[in-house]
Amino acid sequence: MKRGHVDDEEVACRQVVELVTDYLEGDLPEALRAAVEKHLAECPHCVDYVEQMRTTAASLRGVSVESISPAARDQLIAALRNLLPRR
């Protein structure tokens, strides 16, 4: 499934994870947003995940990059890179 394109496919958990940021920011096309919401109506695990991401994003809004030590920033960047799929 391409981002922003729904071919009568149901959104799977993996796709919710991939789309969560755009979903929370309201940046998904209407059809894709509706497909994500349909999935959320049927998947309590994804609801928990989306709510955790919403809470995390809200708690980090007030944190400035400058307030994080360079060592902690490096560790955070490395941890996030490890979450990305290998190419």
Protein backbone atom coordinates (compact mmCIF):
# COMPACT_ATOMS: atom_id res chain seq x y z
CA MET A 1 0.00 0.00 0.00
CA LYS A 2 1.37 3.39 -0.97
CA ARG A 3 1.07 6.26 1.48
CA GLY A 4 -2.16 8.07 0.80
CA HIS A 5 -3.58 5.30 -1.37
CA VAL A 6 -6.22 2.76 -0.35
CA ASP A 7 -7.28 0.09 -2.84
CA ASP A 8 -10.14 -1.44 -0.89
CA GLU A 9 -7.42 -2.86 1.35
CA GLU A 10 -7.78 -2.95 5.04
CA VAL A 11 -5.10 -1.22 7.03
CA ALA A 12 -2.99 -3.71 9.01
CA CYS A 13 -1.22 -3.13 12.32
CA ARG A 14 2.13 -2.62 10.58
CA GLN A 15 0.61 0.14 8.45
CA VAL A 16 -0.84 1.87 11.51
CA VAL A 17 2.67 1.94 13.00
CA GLU A 18 4.04 3.42 9.77
CA LEU A 19 1.28 6.03 9.53
CA VAL A 20 0.87 6.99 13.19
CA THR A 21 2.71 10.33 12.99
CA ASP A 22 0.77 11.52 9.96
CA TYR A 23 -2.47 10.24 11.54
CA LEU A 24 -1.87 12.10 14.80
CA GLU A 25 -0.91 15.28 12.94
CA GLY A 26 -4.01 15.09 10.72
CA ASP A 27 -1.91 14.75 7.56
CA LEU A 28 -3.50 11.63 6.06
CA PRO A 29 -5.79 11.79 3.04
CA GLU A 30 -9.43 11.25 4.01
CA ALA A 31 -9.70 7.69 2.63
CA LEU A 32 -6.54 6.56 4.40
CA ARG A 33 -7.56 8.27 7.67
CA ALA A 34 -10.90 6.46 7.47
CA ALA A 35 -9.14 3.13 6.87
CA VAL A 36 -6.88 3.70 9.89
CA GLU A 37 -9.88 4.61 12.05
CA LYS A 38 -11.72 1.49 10.86
CA HIS A 39 -8.72 -0.60 11.90
CA LEU A 40 -8.54 1.18 15.28
CA ALA A 41 -12.22 0.39 15.87
CA GLU A 42 -11.34 -3.31 15.63
CA CYS A 43 -7.84 -3.49 17.14
CA PRO A 44 -7.35 -2.59 20.81
CA HIS A 45 -3.59 -3.19 20.53
CA CYS A 46 -3.26 -0.45 17.91
CA VAL A 47 -5.50 1.85 19.96
CA ASP A 48 -3.07 1.40 22.86
CA TYR A 49 -0.12 2.09 20.56
CA VAL A 50 -1.66 5.25 19.08
CA GLU A 51 -2.55 6.54 22.56
CA GLN A 52 1.00 5.86 23.79
CA MET A 53 2.39 7.77 20.82
CA ARG A 54 -0.07 10.63 21.42
CA THR A 55 0.99 10.81 25.10
CA THR A 56 4.69 10.65 24.22
CA ALA A 57 4.37 13.39 21.61
CA ALA A 58 2.44 15.62 24.01
CA SER A 59 4.98 15.16 26.78
CA LEU A 60 7.90 15.97 24.46
CA ARG A 61 6.42 19.12 22.92
CA GLY A 62 7.96 21.35 25.57
CA VAL A 63 11.42 19.78 25.50
CA SER A 64 13.98 21.80 23.60
CA VAL A 65 16.82 20.09 21.77
CA GLU A 66 19.27 22.27 23.66
CA SER A 67 18.06 20.87 26.99
CA ILE A 68 19.27 17.37 26.05
CA SER A 69 22.94 16.62 26.63
CA PRO A 70 24.98 15.79 23.50
CA ALA A 71 25.62 12.25 24.84
CA ALA A 72 21.90 11.65 25.45
CA ARG A 73 21.08 13.06 22.00
CA ASP A 74 23.58 10.68 20.38
CA GLN A 75 22.09 7.73 22.27
CA LEU A 76 18.57 8.73 21.27
CA ILE A 77 19.52 9.12 17.61
CA ALA A 78 21.27 5.73 17.64
CA ALA A 79 18.24 4.08 19.26
CA LEU A 80 15.88 5.60 16.70
CA ARG A 81 18.12 4.53 13.82
CA ASN A 82 18.01 0.97 15.17
CA LEU A 83 14.21 1.06 14.86
CA LEU A 84 14.38 1.80 11.14
CA PRO A 85 14.12 -1.18 8.80
CA ARG A 86 17.41 -2.28 7.28
CA ARG A 87 17.77 -1.64 3.54
